[in-house]
């Protein structure tokens, strides 16, 4: 499971769920492996007009930090390894 951090512990946050490498925040579902790259990536989930969106303007709901992709070189050709859900950091912001 992802590491979960709260910007302000004890404050309300958007509804969220984590299942493996799939994260849902305020109704927005993200398959994190689809966003992983060869360098670290930080996804910003924001609230725009009451709807959770990836990026853009609006209040922060969450930051999702993804580590760089890992590769196995043992077979000669590099093979991308699956995203380890334990290496993901989900930071939740308080809701307004």
PDB file of N, CA and C in Angstrom:
ATOM      1  N   UNK A   1       0.835  -1.178   0.000  1.00  0.00           N
ATOM      2  CA  UNK A   1       0.000   0.000   0.000  1.00  0.00           C
ATOM      3  C   UNK A   1       0.881   1.242   0.000  1.00  0.00           C
ATOM      4  N   UNK A   2       0.389   2.297  -0.615  1.00  0.00           N
ATOM      5  CA  UNK A   2       1.101   3.566  -0.667  1.00  0.00           C
ATOM      6  C   UNK A   2       1.303   4.131   0.737  1.00  0.00           C
ATOM      7  N   UNK A   3       2.364   4.917   0.891  1.00  0.00           N
ATOM      8  CA  UNK A   3       2.571   5.664   2.126  1.00  0.00           C
ATOM      9  C   UNK A   3       1.603   6.843   2.095  1.00  0.00           C
ATOM     10  N   UNK A   4       0.872   7.075   3.157  1.00  0.00           N
ATOM     11  CA  UNK A   4      -0.122   8.147   3.184  1.00  0.00           C
ATOM     12  C   UNK A   4       0.315   9.188   4.204  1.00  0.00           C
ATOM     13  N   UNK A   5       0.379  10.430   3.732  1.00  0.00           N
ATOM     14  CA  UNK A   5       0.769  11.542   4.600  1.00  0.00           C
ATOM     15  C   UNK A   5      -0.345  12.585   4.591  1.00  0.00           C
ATOM     16  N   UNK A   6      -0.512  13.252   5.707  1.00  0.00           N
ATOM     17  CA  UNK A   6      -1.509  14.313   5.823  1.00  0.00           C
ATOM     18  C   UNK A   6      -0.792  15.641   6.020  1.00  0.00           C
ATOM     19  N   UNK A   7      -1.178  16.658   5.247  1.00  0.00           N
ATOM     20  CA  UNK A   7      -0.590  17.983   5.412  1.00  0.00           C
ATOM     21  C   UNK A   7      -0.919  18.524   6.798  1.00  0.00           C
ATOM     22  N   UNK A   8      -2.174  18.377   7.228  1.00  0.00           N
ATOM     23  CA  UNK A   8      -2.599  18.817   8.558  1.00  0.00           C
ATOM     24  C   UNK A   8      -3.337  17.661   9.229  1.00  0.00           C
ATOM     25  N   UNK A   9      -2.632  16.844  10.008  1.00  0.00           N
ATOM     26  CA  UNK A   9      -3.292  15.722  10.675  1.00  0.00           C
ATOM     27  C   UNK A   9      -4.519  16.185  11.461  1.00  0.00           C
ATOM     28  N   UNK A  10      -5.573  15.392  11.405  1.00  0.00           N
ATOM     29  CA  UNK A  10      -6.802  15.692  12.119  1.00  0.00           C
ATOM     30  C   UNK A  10      -7.796  16.515  11.320  1.00  0.00           C
ATOM     31  N   UNK A  11      -7.375  17.056  10.181  1.00  0.00           N
ATOM     32  CA  UNK A  11      -8.268  17.848   9.345  1.00  0.00           C
ATOM     33  C   UNK A  11      -8.955  16.940   8.323  1.00  0.00           C
ATOM     34  N   UNK A  12     -10.170  17.292   7.871  1.00  0.00           N
ATOM     35  CA  UNK A  12     -10.849  16.469   6.867  1.00  0.00           C
ATOM     36  C   UNK A  12     -10.120  16.540   5.523  1.00  0.00           C
ATOM     37  N   UNK A  13     -10.128  15.416   4.817  1.00  0.00           N
ATOM     38  CA  UNK A  13      -9.524  15.329   3.484  1.00  0.00           C
ATOM     39  C   UNK A  13     -10.566  14.773   2.521  1.00  0.00           C
ATOM     40  N   UNK A  14     -10.275  14.846   1.231  1.00  0.00           N
ATOM     41  CA  UNK A  14     -11.172  14.285   0.223  1.00  0.00           C
ATOM     42  C   UNK A  14     -11.277  12.777   0.421  1.00  0.00           C
ATOM     43  N   UNK A  15     -12.422  12.207   0.047  1.00  0.00           N
ATOM     44  CA  UNK A  15     -12.569  10.752   0.078  1.00  0.00           C
ATOM     45  C   UNK A  15     -11.500  10.144  -0.821  1.00  0.00           C
ATOM     46  N   UNK A  16     -10.878   9.071  -0.355  1.00  0.00           N
ATOM     47  CA  UNK A  16      -9.850   8.423  -1.165  1.00  0.00           C
ATOM     48  C   UNK A  16      -9.852   6.927  -0.910  1.00  0.00           C
ATOM     49  N   UNK A  17      -9.311   6.202  -1.880  1.00  0.00           N
ATOM     50  CA  UNK A  17      -9.147   4.753  -1.763  1.00  0.00           C
ATOM     51  C   UNK A  17      -7.876   4.370  -2.507  1.00  0.00           C
ATOM     52  N   UNK A  18      -7.188   3.366  -1.983  1.00  0.00           N
ATOM     53  CA  UNK A  18      -5.970   2.863  -2.605  1.00  0.00           C
ATOM     54  C   UNK A  18      -6.105   1.360  -2.744  1.00  0.00           C
ATOM     55  N   UNK A  19      -5.886   0.860  -3.952  1.00  0.00           N
ATOM     56  CA  UNK A  19      -5.902  -0.579  -4.205  1.00  0.00           C
ATOM     57  C   UNK A  19      -4.749  -0.895  -5.146  1.00  0.00           C
ATOM     58  N   UNK A  20      -3.668  -1.412  -4.586  1.00  0.00           N
ATOM     59  CA  UNK A  20      -2.491  -1.688  -5.408  1.00  0.00           C
ATOM     60  C   UNK A  20      -1.939  -0.391  -5.965  1.00  0.00           C
ATOM     61  N   UNK A  21      -1.877  -0.281  -7.295  1.00  0.00           N
ATOM     62  CA  UNK A  21      -1.380   0.939  -7.930  1.00  0.00           C
ATOM     63  C   UNK A  21      -2.516   1.808  -8.467  1.00  0.00           C
ATOM     64  N   UNK A  22      -3.731   1.548  -8.016  1.00  0.00           N
ATOM     65  CA  UNK A  22      -4.878   2.370  -8.400  1.00  0.00           C
ATOM     66  C   UNK A  22      -5.289   3.228  -7.214  1.00  0.00           C
ATOM     67  N   UNK A  23      -5.391   4.537  -7.452  1.00  0.00           N
ATOM     68  CA  UNK A  23      -5.777   5.485  -6.409  1.00  0.00           C
ATOM     69  C   UNK A  23      -7.008   6.238  -6.886  1.00  0.00           C
ATOM     70  N   UNK A  24      -7.994   6.369  -6.002  1.00  0.00           N
ATOM     71  CA  UNK A  24      -9.186   7.164  -6.289  1.00  0.00           C
ATOM     72  C   UNK A  24      -9.256   8.281  -5.260  1.00  0.00           C
ATOM     73  N   UNK A  25      -9.388   9.513  -5.756  1.00  0.00           N
ATOM     74  CA  UNK A  25      -9.496  10.685  -4.891  1.00  0.00           C
ATOM     75  C   UNK A  25     -10.689  11.503  -5.359  1.00  0.00           C
ATOM     76  N   UNK A  26     -11.674  11.655  -4.482  1.00  0.00           N
ATOM     77  CA  UNK A  26     -12.878  12.456  -4.768  1.00  0.00           C
ATOM     78  C   UNK A  26     -13.512  12.054  -6.101  1.00  0.00           C
ATOM     79  N   UNK A  27     -13.510  10.754  -6.382  1.00  0.00           N
ATOM     80  CA  UNK A  27     -14.150  10.243  -7.592  1.00  0.00           C
ATOM     81  C   UNK A  27     -13.246  10.151  -8.804  1.00  0.00           C
ATOM     82  N   UNK A  28     -12.037  10.699  -8.750  1.00  0.00           N
ATOM     83  CA  UNK A  28     -11.075  10.616  -9.853  1.00  0.00           C
ATOM     84  C   UNK A  28     -10.202   9.387  -9.635  1.00  0.00           C
ATOM     85  N   UNK A  29     -10.244   8.439 -10.569  1.00  0.00           N
ATOM     86  CA  UNK A  29      -9.465   7.207 -10.452  1.00  0.00           C
ATOM     87  C   UNK A  29      -8.238   7.290 -11.350  1.00  0.00           C
ATOM     88  N   UNK A  30      -7.074   6.997 -10.775  1.00  0.00           N
ATOM     89  CA  UNK A  30      -5.807   7.040 -11.498  1.00  0.00           C
ATOM     90  C   UNK A  30      -5.114   5.692 -11.397  1.00  0.00           C
ATOM     91  N   UNK A  31      -4.686   5.156 -12.540  1.00  0.00           N
ATOM     92  CA  UNK A  31      -3.825   3.975 -12.553  1.00  0.00           C
ATOM     93  C   UNK A  31      -2.404   4.525 -12.584  1.00  0.00           C
ATOM     94  N   UNK A  32      -1.728   4.455 -11.454  1.00  0.00           N
ATOM     95  CA  UNK A  32      -0.450   5.133 -11.295  1.00  0.00           C
ATOM     96  C   UNK A  32       0.633   4.607 -12.224  1.00  0.00           C
ATOM     97  N   UNK A  33       0.607   3.333 -12.553  1.00  0.00           N
ATOM     98  CA  UNK A  33       1.615   2.771 -13.457  1.00  0.00           C
ATOM     99  C   UNK A  33       1.581   3.467 -14.815  1.00  0.00           C
ATOM    100  N   UNK A  34       0.419   3.967 -15.220  1.00  0.00           N
ATOM    101  CA  UNK A  34       0.301   4.681 -16.500  1.00  0.00           C
ATOM    102  C   UNK A  34       1.023   6.023 -16.469  1.00  0.00           C
ATOM    103  N   UNK A  35       1.298   6.548 -15.284  1.00  0.00           N
ATOM    104  CA  UNK A  35       1.927   7.860 -15.144  1.00  0.00           C
ATOM    105  C   UNK A  35       3.403   7.775 -14.775  1.00  0.00           C
ATOM    106  N   UNK A  36       3.896   6.577 -14.478  1.00  0.00           N
ATOM    107  CA  UNK A  36       5.292   6.415 -14.086  1.00  0.00           C
ATOM    108  C   UNK A  36       6.198   6.643 -15.288  1.00  0.00           C
ATOM    109  N   UNK A  37       7.338   7.305 -15.056  1.00  0.00           N
ATOM    110  CA  UNK A  37       8.303   7.589 -16.111  1.00  0.00           C
ATOM    111  C   UNK A  37       9.693   7.176 -15.641  1.00  0.00           C
ATOM    112  N   UNK A  38      10.701   7.480 -16.453  1.00  0.00           N
ATOM    113  CA  UNK A  38      12.070   7.125 -16.087  1.00  0.00           C
ATOM    114  C   UNK A  38      12.656   8.061 -15.027  1.00  0.00           C
ATOM    115  N   UNK A  39      11.977   9.154 -14.746  1.00  0.00           N
ATOM    116  CA  UNK A  39      12.356  10.073 -13.669  1.00  0.00           C
ATOM    117  C   UNK A  39      11.187  10.149 -12.693  1.00  0.00           C
ATOM    118  N   UNK A  40      11.445  10.626 -11.486  1.00  0.00           N
ATOM    119  CA  UNK A  40      10.368  10.784 -10.502  1.00  0.00           C
ATOM    120  C   UNK A  40       9.282  11.696 -11.057  1.00  0.00           C
ATOM    121  N   UNK A  41       8.039  11.412 -10.669  1.00  0.00           N
ATOM    122  CA  UNK A  41       6.885  12.188 -11.127  1.00  0.00           C
ATOM    123  C   UNK A  41       6.035  12.545  -9.911  1.00  0.00           C
ATOM    124  N   UNK A  42       5.539  13.785  -9.881  1.00  0.00           N
ATOM    125  CA  UNK A  42       4.565  14.191  -8.868  1.00  0.00           C
ATOM    126  C   UNK A  42       3.283  14.585  -9.579  1.00  0.00           C
ATOM    127  N   UNK A  43       2.211  13.865  -9.279  1.00  0.00           N
ATOM    128  CA  UNK A  43       0.895  14.173  -9.835  1.00  0.00           C
ATOM    129  C   UNK A  43       0.166  15.078  -8.856  1.00  0.00           C
ATOM    130  N   UNK A  44      -0.481  16.115  -9.375  1.00  0.00           N
ATOM    131  CA  UNK A  44      -1.269  17.023  -8.548  1.00  0.00           C
ATOM    132  C   UNK A  44      -2.744  16.784  -8.828  1.00  0.00           C
ATOM    133  N   UNK A  45      -3.501  16.465  -7.809  1.00  0.00           N
ATOM    134  CA  UNK A  45      -4.953  16.334  -7.939  1.00  0.00           C
ATOM    135  C   UNK A  45      -5.547  17.584  -7.302  1.00  0.00           C
ATOM    136  N   UNK A  46      -6.379  18.287  -8.082  1.00  0.00           N
ATOM    137  CA  UNK A  46      -6.963  19.548  -7.626  1.00  0.00           C
ATOM    138  C   UNK A  46      -8.474  19.514  -7.771  1.00  0.00           C
ATOM    139  N   UNK A  47      -9.122  20.360  -7.003  1.00  0.00           N
ATOM    140  CA  UNK A  47     -10.572  20.502  -7.081  1.00  0.00           C
ATOM    141  C   UNK A  47     -10.889  21.729  -7.923  1.00  0.00           C
ATOM    142  N   UNK A  48     -11.601  21.518  -9.040  1.00  0.00           N
ATOM    143  CA  UNK A  48     -12.015  22.613  -9.916  1.00  0.00           C
ATOM    144  C   UNK A  48     -13.518  22.545 -10.063  1.00  0.00           C
ATOM    145  N   UNK A  49     -14.201  23.578  -9.600  1.00  0.00           N
ATOM    146  CA  UNK A  49     -15.669  23.641  -9.684  1.00  0.00           C
ATOM    147  C   UNK A  49     -16.309  22.393  -9.076  1.00  0.00           C
ATOM    148  N   UNK A  50     -15.742  21.914  -7.964  1.00  0.00           N
ATOM    149  CA  UNK A  50     -16.312  20.769  -7.266  1.00  0.00           C
ATOM    150  C   UNK A  50     -15.965  19.416  -7.858  1.00  0.00           C
ATOM    151  N   UNK A  51     -15.088  19.394  -8.869  1.00  0.00           N
ATOM    152  CA  UNK A  51     -14.698  18.145  -9.520  1.00  0.00           C
ATOM    153  C   UNK A  51     -13.197  17.931  -9.357  1.00  0.00           C
ATOM    154  N   UNK A  52     -12.791  16.720  -9.009  1.00  0.00           N
ATOM    155  CA  UNK A  52     -11.369  16.394  -8.898  1.00  0.00           C
ATOM    156  C   UNK A  52     -10.788  16.225 -10.292  1.00  0.00           C
ATOM    157  N   UNK A  53      -9.643  16.880 -10.513  1.00  0.00           N
ATOM    158  CA  UNK A  53      -8.971  16.811 -11.813  1.00  0.00           C
ATOM    159  C   UNK A  53      -7.468  16.669 -11.600  1.00  0.00           C
ATOM    160  N   UNK A  54      -6.828  16.099 -12.597  1.00  0.00           N
ATOM    161  CA  UNK A  54      -5.379  15.965 -12.566  1.00  0.00           C
ATOM    162  C   UNK A  54      -4.776  17.252 -13.114  1.00  0.00           C
ATOM    163  N   UNK A  55      -4.025  17.968 -12.271  1.00  0.00           N
ATOM    164  CA  UNK A  55      -3.394  19.216 -12.684  1.00  0.00           C
ATOM    165  C   UNK A  55      -4.373  20.364 -12.806  1.00  0.00           C
ATOM    166  N   UNK A  56      -3.909  21.439 -13.424  1.00  0.00           N
ATOM    167  CA  UNK A  56      -4.760  22.603 -13.633  1.00  0.00           C
ATOM    168  C   UNK A  56      -4.776  23.521 -12.433  1.00  0.00           C
ATOM    169  N   UNK A  57      -5.853  24.308 -12.350  1.00  0.00           N
ATOM    170  CA  UNK A  57      -6.025  25.261 -11.254  1.00  0.00           C
ATOM    171  C   UNK A  57      -6.968  24.679 -10.215  1.00  0.00           C
ATOM    172  N   UNK A  58      -7.063  25.363  -9.091  1.00  0.00           N
ATOM    173  CA  UNK A  58      -7.979  24.935  -8.040  1.00  0.00           C
ATOM    174  C   UNK A  58      -7.235  24.505  -6.799  1.00  0.00           C
ATOM    175  N   UNK A  59      -7.993  24.219  -5.765  1.00  0.00           N
ATOM    176  CA  UNK A  59      -7.416  23.818  -4.477  1.00  0.00           C
ATOM    177  C   UNK A  59      -6.800  22.426  -4.577  1.00  0.00           C
ATOM    178  N   UNK A  60      -5.661  22.253  -3.930  1.00  0.00           N
ATOM    179  CA  UNK A  60      -5.036  20.932  -3.885  1.00  0.00           C
ATOM    180  C   UNK A  60      -5.905  19.965  -3.098  1.00  0.00           C
ATOM    181  N   UNK A  61      -6.036  18.756  -3.625  1.00  0.00           N
ATOM    182  CA  UNK A  61      -6.631  17.653  -2.876  1.00  0.00           C
ATOM    183  C   UNK A  61      -5.544  16.670  -2.466  1.00  0.00           C
ATOM    184  N   UNK A  62      -4.584  16.440  -3.391  1.00  0.00           N
ATOM    185  CA  UNK A  62      -3.520  15.473  -3.109  1.00  0.00           C
ATOM    186  C   UNK A  62      -2.338  15.676  -4.041  1.00  0.00           C
ATOM    187  N   UNK A  63      -1.180  15.258  -3.563  1.00  0.00           N
ATOM    188  CA  UNK A  63       0.015  15.083  -4.383  1.00  0.00           C
ATOM    189  C   UNK A  63       0.331  13.600  -4.342  1.00  0.00           C
ATOM    190  N   UNK A  64       0.688  13.048  -5.482  1.00  0.00           N
ATOM    191  CA  UNK A  64       1.060  11.635  -5.543  1.00  0.00           C
ATOM    192  C   UNK A  64       2.467  11.564  -6.117  1.00  0.00           C
ATOM    193  N   UNK A  65       3.407  11.077  -5.327  1.00  0.00           N
ATOM    194  CA  UNK A  65       4.800  10.983  -5.752  1.00  0.00           C
ATOM    195  C   UNK A  65       5.088   9.565  -6.232  1.00  0.00           C
ATOM    196  N   UNK A  66       5.568   9.476  -7.479  1.00  0.00           N
ATOM    197  CA  UNK A  66       5.913   8.186  -8.075  1.00  0.00           C
ATOM    198  C   UNK A  66       7.423   8.106  -8.253  1.00  0.00           C
ATOM    199  N   UNK A  67       8.027   6.980  -7.910  1.00  0.00           N
ATOM    200  CA  UNK A  67       9.467   6.829  -8.105  1.00  0.00           C
ATOM    201  C   UNK A  67       9.769   6.595  -9.586  1.00  0.00           C
ATOM    202  N   UNK A  68      11.036   6.744  -9.974  1.00  0.00           N
ATOM    203  CA  UNK A  68      11.396   6.423 -11.359  1.00  0.00           C
ATOM    204  C   UNK A  68      11.146   4.941 -11.653  1.00  0.00           C
ATOM    205  N   UNK A  69      10.874   4.653 -12.897  1.00  0.00           N
ATOM    206  CA  UNK A  69      10.691   3.258 -13.314  1.00  0.00           C
ATOM    207  C   UNK A  69      11.994   2.492 -13.086  1.00  0.00           C
ATOM    208  N   UNK A  70      11.856   1.223 -12.757  1.00  0.00           N
ATOM    209  CA  UNK A  70      13.007   0.338 -12.578  1.00  0.00           C
ATOM    210  C   UNK A  70      13.021  -0.661 -13.726  1.00  0.00           C
ATOM    211  N   UNK A  71      14.231  -1.081 -14.108  1.00  0.00           N
ATOM    212  CA  UNK A  71      14.382  -2.018 -15.214  1.00  0.00           C
ATOM    213  C   UNK A  71      15.234  -3.200 -14.790  1.00  0.00           C
ATOM    214  N   UNK A  72      14.903  -4.368 -15.327  1.00  0.00           N
ATOM    215  CA  UNK A  72      15.689  -5.583 -15.122  1.00  0.00           C
ATOM    216  C   UNK A  72      16.501  -5.791 -16.397  1.00  0.00           C
ATOM    217  N   UNK A  73      17.822  -5.846 -16.258  1.00  0.00           N
ATOM    218  CA  UNK A  73      18.710  -5.998 -17.413  1.00  0.00           C
ATOM    219  C   UNK A  73      19.275  -7.411 -17.528  1.00  0.00           C
ATOM    220  N   UNK A  74      18.787  -8.340 -16.715  1.00  0.00           N
ATOM    221  CA  UNK A  74      19.389  -9.673 -16.661  1.00  0.00           C
ATOM    222  C   UNK A  74      19.203 -10.479 -17.940  1.00  0.00           C
ATOM    223  N   UNK A  75      18.179 -10.201 -18.725  1.00  0.00           N
ATOM    224  CA  UNK A  75      17.926 -10.970 -19.949  1.00  0.00           C
ATOM    225  C   UNK A  75      18.545 -10.304 -21.175  1.00  0.00           C
ATOM    226  N   UNK A  76      19.390  -9.296 -20.962  1.00  0.00           N
ATOM    227  CA  UNK A  76      20.003  -8.597 -22.087  1.00  0.00           C
ATOM    228  C   UNK A  76      19.256  -7.319 -22.425  1.00  0.00           C
ATOM    229  N   UNK A  77      18.004  -7.445 -22.783  1.00  0.00           N
ATOM    230  CA  UNK A  77      17.165  -6.283 -23.072  1.00  0.00           C
ATOM    231  C   UNK A  77      16.554  -5.780 -21.769  1.00  0.00           C
ATOM    232  N   UNK A  78      16.545  -4.459 -21.558  1.00  0.00           N
ATOM    233  CA  UNK A  78      15.920  -3.955 -20.330  1.00  0.00           C
ATOM    234  C   UNK A  78      14.417  -4.220 -20.326  1.00  0.00           C
ATOM    235  N   UNK A  79      13.939  -4.757 -19.220  1.00  0.00           N
ATOM    236  CA  UNK A  79      12.511  -5.042 -19.046  1.00  0.00           C
ATOM    237  C   UNK A  79      12.005  -4.186 -17.895  1.00  0.00           C
ATOM    238  N   UNK A  80      10.997  -3.383 -18.199  1.00  0.00           N
ATOM    239  CA  UNK A  80      10.437  -2.504 -17.166  1.00  0.00           C
ATOM    240  C   UNK A  80       9.745  -3.333 -16.091  1.00  0.00           C
ATOM    241  N   UNK A  81      10.040  -3.021 -14.832  1.00  0.00           N
ATOM    242  CA  UNK A  81       9.446  -3.718 -13.696  1.00  0.00           C
ATOM    243  C   UNK A  81       8.135  -3.039 -13.298  1.00  0.00           C
ATOM    244  N   UNK A  82       7.196  -3.795 -12.762  1.00  0.00           N
ATOM    245  CA  UNK A  82       5.933  -3.190 -12.319  1.00  0.00           C
ATOM    246  C   UNK A  82       6.178  -2.159 -11.214  1.00  0.00           C
ATOM    247  N   UNK A  83       5.307  -1.168 -11.163  1.00  0.00           N
ATOM    248  CA  UNK A  83       5.372  -0.162 -10.109  1.00  0.00           C
ATOM    249  C   UNK A  83       5.112  -0.831  -8.764  1.00  0.00           C
ATOM    250  N   UNK A  84       6.001  -0.587  -7.816  1.00  0.00           N
ATOM    251  CA  UNK A  84       5.838  -1.112  -6.460  1.00  0.00           C
ATOM    252  C   UNK A  84       4.918  -0.161  -5.695  1.00  0.00           C
ATOM    253  N   UNK A  85       3.704  -0.589  -5.327  1.00  0.00           N
ATOM    254  CA  UNK A  85       2.783   0.320  -4.646  1.00  0.00           C
ATOM    255  C   UNK A  85       3.321   0.838  -3.310  1.00  0.00           C
ATOM    256  N   UNK A  86       4.264   0.119  -2.702  1.00  0.00           N
ATOM    257  CA  UNK A  86       4.841   0.560  -1.430  1.00  0.00           C
ATOM    258  C   UNK A  86       5.782   1.751  -1.613  1.00  0.00           C
ATOM    259  N   UNK A  87       6.185   2.026  -2.855  1.00  0.00           N
ATOM    260  CA  UNK A  87       7.107   3.135  -3.116  1.00  0.00           C
ATOM    261  C   UNK A  87       6.378   4.433  -3.462  1.00  0.00           C
ATOM    262  N   UNK A  88       5.059   4.403  -3.508  1.00  0.00           N
ATOM    263  CA  UNK A  88       4.240   5.576  -3.831  1.00  0.00           C
ATOM    264  C   UNK A  88       3.951   6.349  -2.543  1.00  0.00           C
ATOM    265  N   UNK A  89       4.014   7.681  -2.628  1.00  0.00           N
ATOM    266  CA  UNK A  89       3.680   8.534  -1.482  1.00  0.00           C
ATOM    267  C   UNK A  89       2.464   9.372  -1.860  1.00  0.00           C
ATOM    268  N   UNK A  90       1.394   9.219  -1.095  1.00  0.00           N
ATOM    269  CA  UNK A  90       0.151   9.957  -1.299  1.00  0.00           C
ATOM    270  C   UNK A  90       0.038  10.991  -0.180  1.00  0.00           C
ATOM    271  N   UNK A  91       0.101  12.271  -0.545  1.00  0.00           N
ATOM    272  CA  UNK A  91      -0.017  13.360   0.423  1.00  0.00           C
ATOM    273  C   UNK A  91      -1.376  14.011   0.244  1.00  0.00           C
ATOM    274  N   UNK A  92      -2.167  14.011   1.304  1.00  0.00           N
ATOM    275  CA  UNK A  92      -3.529  14.546   1.251  1.00  0.00           C
ATOM    276  C   UNK A  92      -3.585  15.926   1.894  1.00  0.00           C
ATOM    277  N   UNK A  93      -4.250  16.849   1.204  1.00  0.00           N
ATOM    278  CA  UNK A  93      -4.418  18.220   1.678  1.00  0.00           C
ATOM    279  C   UNK A  93      -5.778  18.336   2.351  1.00  0.00           C
ATOM    280  N   UNK A  94      -5.899  19.227   3.328  1.00  0.00           N
ATOM    281  CA  UNK A  94      -7.213  19.417   3.958  1.00  0.00           C
ATOM    282  C   UNK A  94      -8.210  19.996   2.961  1.00  0.00           C
ATOM    283  N   UNK A  95      -9.452  19.582   3.081  1.00  0.00           N
ATOM    284  CA  UNK A  95     -10.487  20.107   2.193  1.00  0.00           C
ATOM    285  C   UNK A  95     -10.995  21.428   2.750  1.00  0.00           C
ATOM    286  N   UNK A  96     -11.379  22.332   1.844  1.00  0.00           N
ATOM    287  CA  UNK A  96     -11.869  23.643   2.303  1.00  0.00           C
ATOM    288  C   UNK A  96     -13.205  23.535   3.008  1.00  0.00           C
TER     289      UNK A  96
END
